[in-house]
Amino acid sequence: MKKLIGAELTRSVKKRYDQIVAFSSFYSLQKSGFGKMESLSGKMKDSYSLRLTANYRLIVRPKSESRSSEMLMQCDTLIIEGVVDYHGSDRKYNWLIP
C-alpha cells in the first residue's frame, strides 16, 4: 500500500484502522469524534467518511440491516470501502484504494 499511496497516507490509514477496531460498535466510534465522521449522500448515502488528511477520507459502511439508530448502536462490523479524495471543483470521486 505504501507504494500505491505513499508513506504518510499509509500511516493515516493504519491509524484510523486501529481506532476503528478499538471500538465495540459503530455507534461508539461515531460518538467518539475520531476522524470527524460524516454521513455521505447521493450514490454513497449508506456510507460514512473518516478524515485521513485535509483531502483524503477513509470510506466505511456499517454492516447492518438498516440505518436506524437502534441497529447502528448494535452494529459491530464495518466494511471499509476504500480511500477517496472527493474534493475538487467537479466533485468526482478519485478512489486511491477502491
PDB file of N, CA and C in Angstrom:
ATOM      1  N   MET A   1       0.824  -1.183   0.000  1.00  0.00           N
ATOM      2  CA  MET A   1       0.000   0.000   0.000  1.00  0.00           C
ATOM      3  C   MET A   1       0.869   1.248   0.000  1.00  0.00           C
ATOM      4  N   LYS A   2       2.038   1.169   0.639  1.00  0.00           N
ATOM      5  CA  LYS A   2       2.920   2.331   0.732  1.00  0.00           C
ATOM      6  C   LYS A   2       3.319   2.840  -0.649  1.00  0.00           C
ATOM      7  N   LYS A   3       3.580   1.911  -1.576  1.00  0.00           N
ATOM      8  CA  LYS A   3       3.966   2.319  -2.930  1.00  0.00           C
ATOM      9  C   LYS A   3       2.798   2.961  -3.666  1.00  0.00           C
ATOM     10  N   LEU A   4       1.597   2.502  -3.374  1.00  0.00           N
ATOM     11  CA  LEU A   4       0.409   2.987  -4.070  1.00  0.00           C
ATOM     12  C   LEU A   4       0.006   4.395  -3.633  1.00  0.00           C
ATOM     13  N   ILE A   5       0.030   4.659  -2.315  1.00  0.00           N
ATOM     14  CA  ILE A   5      -0.486   5.941  -1.829  1.00  0.00           C
ATOM     15  C   ILE A   5       0.524   6.759  -1.036  1.00  0.00           C
ATOM     16  N   GLY A   6       1.716   6.244  -0.816  1.00  0.00           N
ATOM     17  CA  GLY A   6       2.734   6.990  -0.084  1.00  0.00           C
ATOM     18  C   GLY A   6       2.744   6.658   1.401  1.00  0.00           C
ATOM     19  N   ALA A   7       3.874   6.925   2.032  1.00  0.00           N
ATOM     20  CA  ALA A   7       4.084   6.553   3.432  1.00  0.00           C
ATOM     21  C   ALA A   7       3.172   7.319   4.390  1.00  0.00           C
ATOM     22  N   GLU A   8       3.015   8.618   4.186  1.00  0.00           N
ATOM     23  CA  GLU A   8       2.211   9.423   5.117  1.00  0.00           C
ATOM     24  C   GLU A   8       0.743   9.003   5.118  1.00  0.00           C
ATOM     25  N   LEU A   9       0.174   8.822   3.932  1.00  0.00           N
ATOM     26  CA  LEU A   9      -1.225   8.417   3.849  1.00  0.00           C
ATOM     27  C   LEU A   9      -1.402   6.986   4.358  1.00  0.00           C
ATOM     28  N   THR A  10      -0.422   6.127   4.117  1.00  0.00           N
ATOM     29  CA  THR A  10      -0.459   4.761   4.641  1.00  0.00           C
ATOM     30  C   THR A  10      -0.516   4.779   6.165  1.00  0.00           C
ATOM     31  N   ARG A  11       0.290   5.626   6.795  1.00  0.00           N
ATOM     32  CA  ARG A  11       0.258   5.751   8.260  1.00  0.00           C
ATOM     33  C   ARG A  11      -1.105   6.239   8.739  1.00  0.00           C
ATOM     34  N   SER A  12      -1.683   7.176   8.015  1.00  0.00           N
ATOM     35  CA  SER A  12      -3.002   7.702   8.392  1.00  0.00           C
ATOM     36  C   SER A  12      -4.086   6.628   8.297  1.00  0.00           C
ATOM     37  N   VAL A  13      -4.029   5.817   7.248  1.00  0.00           N
ATOM     38  CA  VAL A  13      -4.991   4.724   7.088  1.00  0.00           C
ATOM     39  C   VAL A  13      -4.834   3.727   8.232  1.00  0.00           C
ATOM     40  N   LYS A  14      -3.602   3.369   8.548  1.00  0.00           N
ATOM     41  CA  LYS A  14      -3.337   2.417   9.644  1.00  0.00           C
ATOM     42  C   LYS A  14      -3.839   2.975  10.974  1.00  0.00           C
ATOM     43  N   LYS A  15      -3.613   4.250  11.217  1.00  0.00           N
ATOM     44  CA  LYS A  15      -4.068   4.890  12.454  1.00  0.00           C
ATOM     45  C   LYS A  15      -5.590   4.816  12.569  1.00  0.00           C
ATOM     46  N   ARG A  16      -6.303   5.162  11.492  1.00  0.00           N
ATOM     47  CA  ARG A  16      -7.765   5.100  11.515  1.00  0.00           C
ATOM     48  C   ARG A  16      -8.246   3.665  11.700  1.00  0.00           C
ATOM     49  N   TYR A  17      -7.599   2.730  11.016  1.00  0.00           N
ATOM     50  CA  TYR A  17      -7.986   1.325  11.157  1.00  0.00           C
ATOM     51  C   TYR A  17      -7.851   0.882  12.613  1.00  0.00           C
ATOM     52  N   ASP A  18      -6.736   1.213  13.240  1.00  0.00           N
ATOM     53  CA  ASP A  18      -6.517   0.856  14.646  1.00  0.00           C
ATOM     54  C   ASP A  18      -7.581   1.481  15.546  1.00  0.00           C
ATOM     55  N   GLN A  19      -7.983   2.702  15.252  1.00  0.00           N
ATOM     56  CA  GLN A  19      -9.038   3.353  16.031  1.00  0.00           C
ATOM     57  C   GLN A  19     -10.378   2.652  15.829  1.00  0.00           C
ATOM     58  N   ILE A  20     -10.667   2.269  14.595  1.00  0.00           N
ATOM     59  CA  ILE A  20     -11.931   1.590  14.299  1.00  0.00           C
ATOM     60  C   ILE A  20     -12.040   0.287  15.081  1.00  0.00           C
ATOM     61  N   VAL A  21     -11.005  -0.542  15.052  1.00  0.00           N
ATOM     62  CA  VAL A  21     -11.083  -1.849  15.717  1.00  0.00           C
ATOM     63  C   VAL A  21     -11.079  -1.727  17.237  1.00  0.00           C
ATOM     64  N   ALA A  22     -10.691  -0.582  17.770  1.00  0.00           N
ATOM     65  CA  ALA A  22     -10.688  -0.390  19.223  1.00  0.00           C
ATOM     66  C   ALA A  22     -12.100  -0.186  19.785  1.00  0.00           C
ATOM     67  N   PHE A  23     -13.062   0.126  18.938  1.00  0.00           N
ATOM     68  CA  PHE A  23     -14.426   0.372  19.397  1.00  0.00           C
ATOM     69  C   PHE A  23     -15.272  -0.884  19.260  1.00  0.00           C
ATOM     70  N   SER A  24     -16.218  -1.036  20.178  1.00  0.00           N
ATOM     71  CA  SER A  24     -17.062  -2.232  20.184  1.00  0.00           C
ATOM     72  C   SER A  24     -18.273  -2.111  19.261  1.00  0.00           C
ATOM     73  N   SER A  25     -18.602  -0.888  18.844  1.00  0.00           N
ATOM     74  CA  SER A  25     -19.753  -0.714  17.956  1.00  0.00           C
ATOM     75  C   SER A  25     -19.550   0.502  17.054  1.00  0.00           C
ATOM     76  N   PHE A  26     -20.306   0.500  15.976  1.00  0.00           N
ATOM     77  CA  PHE A  26     -20.276   1.650  15.076  1.00  0.00           C
ATOM     78  C   PHE A  26     -20.716   2.904  15.820  1.00  0.00           C
ATOM     79  N   TYR A  27     -21.731   2.764  16.636  1.00  0.00           N
ATOM     80  CA  TYR A  27     -22.267   3.898  17.385  1.00  0.00           C
ATOM     81  C   TYR A  27     -21.203   4.531  18.280  1.00  0.00           C
ATOM     82  N   SER A  28     -20.441   3.714  18.991  1.00  0.00           N
ATOM     83  CA  SER A  28     -19.413   4.266  19.882  1.00  0.00           C
ATOM     84  C   SER A  28     -18.310   4.967  19.089  1.00  0.00           C
ATOM     85  N   LEU A  29     -17.957   4.430  17.921  1.00  0.00           N
ATOM     86  CA  LEU A  29     -16.983   5.098  17.051  1.00  0.00           C
ATOM     87  C   LEU A  29     -17.544   6.437  16.575  1.00  0.00           C
ATOM     88  N   GLN A  30     -18.782   6.428  16.156  1.00  0.00           N
ATOM     89  CA  GLN A  30     -19.425   7.639  15.644  1.00  0.00           C
ATOM     90  C   GLN A  30     -19.479   8.727  16.721  1.00  0.00           C
ATOM     91  N   LYS A  31     -19.807   8.353  17.935  1.00  0.00           N
ATOM     92  CA  LYS A  31     -19.930   9.321  19.029  1.00  0.00           C
ATOM     93  C   LYS A  31     -18.575   9.790  19.557  1.00  0.00           C
ATOM     94  N   SER A  32     -17.498   9.061  19.260  1.00  0.00           N
ATOM     95  CA  SER A  32     -16.170   9.405  19.784  1.00  0.00           C
ATOM     96  C   SER A  32     -15.599  10.679  19.170  1.00  0.00           C
ATOM     97  N   GLY A  33     -15.980  10.958  17.923  1.00  0.00           N
ATOM     98  CA  GLY A  33     -15.433  12.118  17.237  1.00  0.00           C
ATOM     99  C   GLY A  33     -14.142  11.836  16.482  1.00  0.00           C
ATOM    100  N   PHE A  34     -13.583  10.622  16.617  1.00  0.00           N
ATOM    101  CA  PHE A  34     -12.369  10.286  15.876  1.00  0.00           C
ATOM    102  C   PHE A  34     -12.627  10.383  14.378  1.00  0.00           C
ATOM    103  N   GLY A  35     -11.745  11.029  13.668  1.00  0.00           N
ATOM    104  CA  GLY A  35     -11.838  11.120  12.218  1.00  0.00           C
ATOM    105  C   GLY A  35     -12.907  12.049  11.695  1.00  0.00           C
ATOM    106  N   LYS A  36     -13.574  12.764  12.580  1.00  0.00           N
ATOM    107  CA  LYS A  36     -14.633  13.696  12.169  1.00  0.00           C
ATOM    108  C   LYS A  36     -15.601  13.023  11.190  1.00  0.00           C
ATOM    109  N   MET A  37     -16.201  11.933  11.631  1.00  0.00           N
ATOM    110  CA  MET A  37     -17.083  11.129  10.794  1.00  0.00           C
ATOM    111  C   MET A  37     -18.254  11.948  10.265  1.00  0.00           C
ATOM    112  N   GLU A  38     -18.526  11.752   8.965  1.00  0.00           N
ATOM    113  CA  GLU A  38     -19.659  12.411   8.312  1.00  0.00           C
ATOM    114  C   GLU A  38     -20.429  11.382   7.507  1.00  0.00           C
ATOM    115  N   SER A  39     -21.754  11.475   7.528  1.00  0.00           N
ATOM    116  CA  SER A  39     -22.553  10.613   6.670  1.00  0.00           C
ATOM    117  C   SER A  39     -22.514  11.188   5.263  1.00  0.00           C
ATOM    118  N   LEU A  40     -22.513  10.307   4.283  1.00  0.00           N
ATOM    119  CA  LEU A  40     -22.423  10.731   2.890  1.00  0.00           C
ATOM    120  C   LEU A  40     -23.803  10.713   2.253  1.00  0.00           C
ATOM    121  N   SER A  41     -23.901  11.315   1.097  1.00  0.00           N
ATOM    122  CA  SER A  41     -25.181  11.395   0.396  1.00  0.00           C
ATOM    123  C   SER A  41     -25.001  10.925  -1.040  1.00  0.00           C
ATOM    124  N   GLY A  42     -26.073  10.994  -1.793  1.00  0.00           N
ATOM    125  CA  GLY A  42     -26.024  10.587  -3.192  1.00  0.00           C
ATOM    126  C   GLY A  42     -25.816   9.092  -3.330  1.00  0.00           C
ATOM    127  N   LYS A  43     -24.973   8.698  -4.273  1.00  0.00           N
ATOM    128  CA  LYS A  43     -24.762   7.270  -4.506  1.00  0.00           C
ATOM    129  C   LYS A  43     -23.977   6.597  -3.377  1.00  0.00           C
ATOM    130  N   MET A  44     -23.477   7.384  -2.432  1.00  0.00           N
ATOM    131  CA  MET A  44     -22.763   6.827  -1.280  1.00  0.00           C
ATOM    132  C   MET A  44     -23.548   7.059   0.013  1.00  0.00           C
ATOM    133  N   LYS A  45     -24.865   7.138  -0.081  1.00  0.00           N
ATOM    134  CA  LYS A  45     -25.699   7.548   1.047  1.00  0.00           C
ATOM    135  C   LYS A  45     -25.654   6.610   2.250  1.00  0.00           C
ATOM    136  N   ASP A  46     -25.310   5.362   2.092  1.00  0.00           N
ATOM    137  CA  ASP A  46     -25.240   4.435   3.224  1.00  0.00           C
ATOM    138  C   ASP A  46     -23.848   4.369   3.831  1.00  0.00           C
ATOM    139  N   SER A  47     -22.947   5.207   3.350  1.00  0.00           N
ATOM    140  CA  SER A  47     -21.556   5.184   3.796  1.00  0.00           C
ATOM    141  C   SER A  47     -21.220   6.421   4.619  1.00  0.00           C
ATOM    142  N   TYR A  48     -20.067   6.331   5.280  1.00  0.00           N
ATOM    143  CA  TYR A  48     -19.574   7.419   6.122  1.00  0.00           C
ATOM    144  C   TYR A  48     -18.111   7.661   5.786  1.00  0.00           C
ATOM    145  N   SER A  49     -17.667   8.899   5.966  1.00  0.00           N
ATOM    146  CA  SER A  49     -16.260   9.208   5.730  1.00  0.00           C
ATOM    147  C   SER A  49     -15.575   9.514   7.054  1.00  0.00           C
ATOM    148  N   LEU A  50     -14.322   9.083   7.148  1.00  0.00           N
ATOM    149  CA  LEU A  50     -13.456   9.400   8.280  1.00  0.00           C
ATOM    150  C   LEU A  50     -12.257  10.139   7.723  1.00  0.00           C
ATOM    151  N   ARG A  51     -11.947  11.274   8.275  1.00  0.00           N
ATOM    152  CA  ARG A  51     -10.858  12.110   7.776  1.00  0.00           C
ATOM    153  C   ARG A  51      -9.507  11.419   7.985  1.00  0.00           C
ATOM    154  N   LEU A  52      -8.707  11.380   6.918  1.00  0.00           N
ATOM    155  CA  LEU A  52      -7.327  10.898   6.994  1.00  0.00           C
ATOM    156  C   LEU A  52      -6.366  12.075   6.954  1.00  0.00           C
ATOM    157  N   THR A  53      -6.585  12.958   5.974  1.00  0.00           N
ATOM    158  CA  THR A  53      -5.814  14.195   5.826  1.00  0.00           C
ATOM    159  C   THR A  53      -6.807  15.278   5.414  1.00  0.00           C
ATOM    160  N   ALA A  54      -6.297  16.432   5.057  1.00  0.00           N
ATOM    161  CA  ALA A  54      -7.186  17.523   4.652  1.00  0.00           C
ATOM    162  C   ALA A  54      -8.078  17.134   3.470  1.00  0.00           C
ATOM    163  N   ASN A  55      -7.565  16.340   2.540  1.00  0.00           N
ATOM    164  CA  ASN A  55      -8.330  15.986   1.339  1.00  0.00           C
ATOM    165  C   ASN A  55      -8.777  14.536   1.267  1.00  0.00           C
ATOM    166  N   TYR A  56      -8.135  13.644   1.967  1.00  0.00           N
ATOM    167  CA  TYR A  56      -8.407  12.215   1.812  1.00  0.00           C
ATOM    168  C   TYR A  56      -9.275  11.679   2.932  1.00  0.00           C
ATOM    169  N   ARG A  57     -10.190  10.780   2.559  1.00  0.00           N
ATOM    170  CA  ARG A  57     -11.125  10.181   3.502  1.00  0.00           C
ATOM    171  C   ARG A  57     -11.115   8.660   3.378  1.00  0.00           C
ATOM    172  N   LEU A  58     -11.277   8.012   4.518  1.00  0.00           N
ATOM    173  CA  LEU A  58     -11.499   6.576   4.562  1.00  0.00           C
ATOM    174  C   LEU A  58     -13.010   6.388   4.538  1.00  0.00           C
ATOM    175  N   ILE A  59     -13.513   5.637   3.571  1.00  0.00           N
ATOM    176  CA  ILE A  59     -14.948   5.445   3.420  1.00  0.00           C
ATOM    177  C   ILE A  59     -15.322   4.092   4.022  1.00  0.00           C
ATOM    178  N   VAL A  60     -16.289   4.125   4.943  1.00  0.00           N
ATOM    179  CA  VAL A  60     -16.739   2.909   5.620  1.00  0.00           C
ATOM    180  C   VAL A  60     -18.257   2.818   5.532  1.00  0.00           C
ATOM    181  N   ARG A  61     -18.742   1.583   5.673  1.00  0.00           N
ATOM    182  CA  ARG A  61     -20.187   1.349   5.669  1.00  0.00           C
ATOM    183  C   ARG A  61     -20.515   0.362   6.785  1.00  0.00           C
ATOM    184  N   PRO A  62     -21.430   0.721   7.682  1.00  0.00           N
ATOM    185  CA  PRO A  62     -21.823  -0.220   8.729  1.00  0.00           C
ATOM    186  C   PRO A  62     -22.545  -1.419   8.117  1.00  0.00           C
ATOM    187  N   LYS A  63     -22.217  -2.600   8.597  1.00  0.00           N
ATOM    188  CA  LYS A  63     -22.892  -3.804   8.119  1.00  0.00           C
ATOM    189  C   LYS A  63     -24.072  -4.069   9.051  1.00  0.00           C
ATOM    190  N   SER A  64     -25.214  -3.504   8.694  1.00  0.00           N
ATOM    191  CA  SER A  64     -26.424  -3.673   9.500  1.00  0.00           C
ATOM    192  C   SER A  64     -27.629  -3.756   8.576  1.00  0.00           C
ATOM    193  N   GLU A  65     -28.712  -4.278   9.118  1.00  0.00           N
ATOM    194  CA  GLU A  65     -29.922  -4.468   8.324  1.00  0.00           C
ATOM    195  C   GLU A  65     -30.571  -3.151   7.923  1.00  0.00           C
ATOM    196  N   SER A  66     -30.417  -2.138   8.762  1.00  0.00           N
ATOM    197  CA  SER A  66     -30.980  -0.828   8.443  1.00  0.00           C
ATOM    198  C   SER A  66     -30.100   0.253   9.052  1.00  0.00           C
ATOM    199  N   ARG A  67     -30.425   1.492   8.783  1.00  0.00           N
ATOM    200  CA  ARG A  67     -29.658   2.627   9.311  1.00  0.00           C
ATOM    201  C   ARG A  67     -30.372   3.266  10.503  1.00  0.00           C
ATOM    202  N   SER A  68     -31.279   2.530  11.109  1.00  0.00           N
ATOM    203  CA  SER A  68     -31.971   3.067  12.284  1.00  0.00           C
ATOM    204  C   SER A  68     -30.982   3.207  13.441  1.00  0.00           C
ATOM    205  N   SER A  69     -31.266   4.102  14.339  1.00  0.00           N
ATOM    206  CA  SER A  69     -30.383   4.327  15.493  1.00  0.00           C
ATOM    207  C   SER A  69     -30.166   3.046  16.281  1.00  0.00           C
ATOM    208  N   GLU A  70     -31.230   2.273  16.458  1.00  0.00           N
ATOM    209  CA  GLU A  70     -31.131   1.031  17.222  1.00  0.00           C
ATOM    210  C   GLU A  70     -30.177   0.039  16.548  1.00  0.00           C
ATOM    211  N   MET A  71     -30.315  -0.100  15.247  1.00  0.00           N
ATOM    212  CA  MET A  71     -29.453  -1.045  14.520  1.00  0.00           C
ATOM    213  C   MET A  71     -28.001  -0.574  14.519  1.00  0.00           C
ATOM    214  N   LEU A  72     -27.773   0.727  14.353  1.00  0.00           N
ATOM    215  CA  LEU A  72     -26.404   1.246  14.347  1.00  0.00           C
ATOM    216  C   LEU A  72     -25.753   1.127  15.721  1.00  0.00           C
ATOM    217  N   MET A  73     -26.546   1.199  16.788  1.00  0.00           N
ATOM    218  CA  MET A  73     -26.000   1.021  18.134  1.00  0.00           C
ATOM    219  C   MET A  73     -25.528  -0.414  18.347  1.00  0.00           C
ATOM    220  N   GLN A  74     -26.168  -1.359  17.676  1.00  0.00           N
ATOM    221  CA  GLN A  74     -25.813  -2.769  17.811  1.00  0.00           C
ATOM    222  C   GLN A  74     -24.761  -3.214  16.797  1.00  0.00           C
ATOM    223  N   CYS A  75     -24.561  -2.435  15.756  1.00  0.00           N
ATOM    224  CA  CYS A  75     -23.648  -2.814  14.673  1.00  0.00           C
ATOM    225  C   CYS A  75     -22.208  -2.881  15.175  1.00  0.00           C
ATOM    226  N   ASP A  76     -21.578  -4.045  14.986  1.00  0.00           N
ATOM    227  CA  ASP A  76     -20.190  -4.209  15.417  1.00  0.00           C
ATOM    228  C   ASP A  76     -19.246  -4.514  14.258  1.00  0.00           C
ATOM    229  N   THR A  77     -19.742  -4.356  13.025  1.00  0.00           N
ATOM    230  CA  THR A  77     -18.930  -4.644  11.844  1.00  0.00           C
ATOM    231  C   THR A  77     -19.011  -3.486  10.853  1.00  0.00           C
ATOM    232  N   LEU A  78     -17.839  -3.038  10.403  1.00  0.00           N
ATOM    233  CA  LEU A  78     -17.764  -2.004   9.370  1.00  0.00           C
ATOM    234  C   LEU A  78     -17.108  -2.589   8.131  1.00  0.00           C
ATOM    235  N   ILE A  79     -17.597  -2.207   6.991  1.00  0.00           N
ATOM    236  CA  ILE A  79     -16.978  -2.576   5.722  1.00  0.00           C
ATOM    237  C   ILE A  79     -16.172  -1.368   5.263  1.00  0.00           C
ATOM    238  N   ILE A  80     -14.882  -1.571   5.067  1.00  0.00           N
ATOM    239  CA  ILE A  80     -14.032  -0.485   4.571  1.00  0.00           C
ATOM    240  C   ILE A  80     -14.116  -0.500   3.055  1.00  0.00           C
ATOM    241  N   GLU A  81     -14.654   0.562   2.492  1.00  0.00           N
ATOM    242  CA  GLU A  81     -14.862   0.634   1.051  1.00  0.00           C
ATOM    243  C   GLU A  81     -13.648   1.168   0.315  1.00  0.00           C
ATOM    244  N   GLY A  82     -12.813   1.965   0.986  1.00  0.00           N
ATOM    245  CA  GLY A  82     -11.610   2.456   0.341  1.00  0.00           C
ATOM    246  C   GLY A  82     -11.206   3.833   0.810  1.00  0.00           C
ATOM    247  N   VAL A  83     -10.211   4.370   0.128  1.00  0.00           N
ATOM    248  CA  VAL A  83      -9.699   5.715   0.394  1.00  0.00           C
ATOM    249  C   VAL A  83     -10.011   6.564  -0.829  1.00  0.00           C
ATOM    250  N   VAL A  84     -10.558   7.743  -0.582  1.00  0.00           N
ATOM    251  CA  VAL A  84     -11.008   8.578  -1.689  1.00  0.00           C
ATOM    252  C   VAL A  84     -10.644  10.037  -1.435  1.00  0.00           C
ATOM    253  N   ASP A  85     -10.388  10.739  -2.522  1.00  0.00           N
ATOM    254  CA  ASP A  85     -10.279  12.199  -2.495  1.00  0.00           C
ATOM    255  C   ASP A  85     -11.516  12.697  -3.222  1.00  0.00           C
ATOM    256  N   TYR A  86     -12.518  13.142  -2.472  1.00  0.00           N
ATOM    257  CA  TYR A  86     -13.751  13.586  -3.123  1.00  0.00           C
ATOM    258  C   TYR A  86     -13.897  15.088  -3.114  1.00  0.00           C
ATOM    259  N   HIS A  87     -12.785  15.785  -2.971  1.00  0.00           N
ATOM    260  CA  HIS A  87     -12.804  17.241  -3.045  1.00  0.00           C
ATOM    261  C   HIS A  87     -12.387  17.677  -4.450  1.00  0.00           C
ATOM    262  N   GLY A  88     -12.765  18.853  -4.808  1.00  0.00           N
ATOM    263  CA  GLY A  88     -12.406  19.367  -6.124  1.00  0.00           C
ATOM    264  C   GLY A  88     -13.576  20.078  -6.757  1.00  0.00           C
ATOM    265  N   SER A  89     -13.292  20.772  -7.831  1.00  0.00           N
ATOM    266  CA  SER A  89     -14.323  21.598  -8.456  1.00  0.00           C
ATOM    267  C   SER A  89     -15.422  20.776  -9.117  1.00  0.00           C
ATOM    268  N   ASP A  90     -15.091  19.586  -9.641  1.00  0.00           N
ATOM    269  CA  ASP A  90     -16.114  18.807 -10.335  1.00  0.00           C
ATOM    270  C   ASP A  90     -16.734  17.734  -9.445  1.00  0.00           C
ATOM    271  N   ARG A  91     -16.294  17.625  -8.194  1.00  0.00           N
ATOM    272  CA  ARG A  91     -16.846  16.694  -7.209  1.00  0.00           C
ATOM    273  C   ARG A  91     -16.831  15.235  -7.674  1.00  0.00           C
ATOM    274  N   LYS A  92     -15.852  14.863  -8.474  1.00  0.00           N
ATOM    275  CA  LYS A  92     -15.697  13.464  -8.859  1.00  0.00           C
ATOM    276  C   LYS A  92     -15.003  12.730  -7.727  1.00  0.00           C
ATOM    277  N   TYR A  93     -15.324  11.469  -7.573  1.00  0.00           N
ATOM    278  CA  TYR A  93     -14.681  10.649  -6.559  1.00  0.00           C
ATOM    279  C   TYR A  93     -13.412  10.055  -7.142  1.00  0.00           C
ATOM    280  N   ASN A  94     -12.278  10.432  -6.586  1.00  0.00           N
ATOM    281  CA  ASN A  94     -10.992   9.917  -7.034  1.00  0.00           C
ATOM    282  C   ASN A  94     -10.559   8.834  -6.047  1.00  0.00           C
ATOM    283  N   TRP A  95     -10.866   7.582  -6.374  1.00  0.00           N
ATOM    284  CA  TRP A  95     -10.553   6.465  -5.483  1.00  0.00           C
ATOM    285  C   TRP A  95      -9.077   6.115  -5.586  1.00  0.00           C
ATOM    286  N   LEU A  96      -8.385   6.154  -4.460  1.00  0.00           N
ATOM    287  CA  LEU A  96      -6.989   5.731  -4.411  1.00  0.00           C
ATOM    288  C   LEU A  96      -6.904   4.245  -4.108  1.00  0.00           C
ATOM    289  N   ILE A  97      -7.770   3.803  -3.217  1.00  0.00           N
ATOM    290  CA  ILE A  97      -7.854   2.382  -2.874  1.00  0.00           C
ATOM    291  C   ILE A  97      -9.333   2.020  -2.918  1.00  0.00           C
ATOM    292  N   PRO A  98      -9.778   1.431  -4.023  1.00  0.00           N
ATOM    293  CA  PRO A  98     -11.207   1.071  -4.119  1.00  0.00           C
ATOM    294  C   PRO A  98     -11.515  -0.216  -3.370  1.00  0.00           C
TER     295      PRO A  98
END
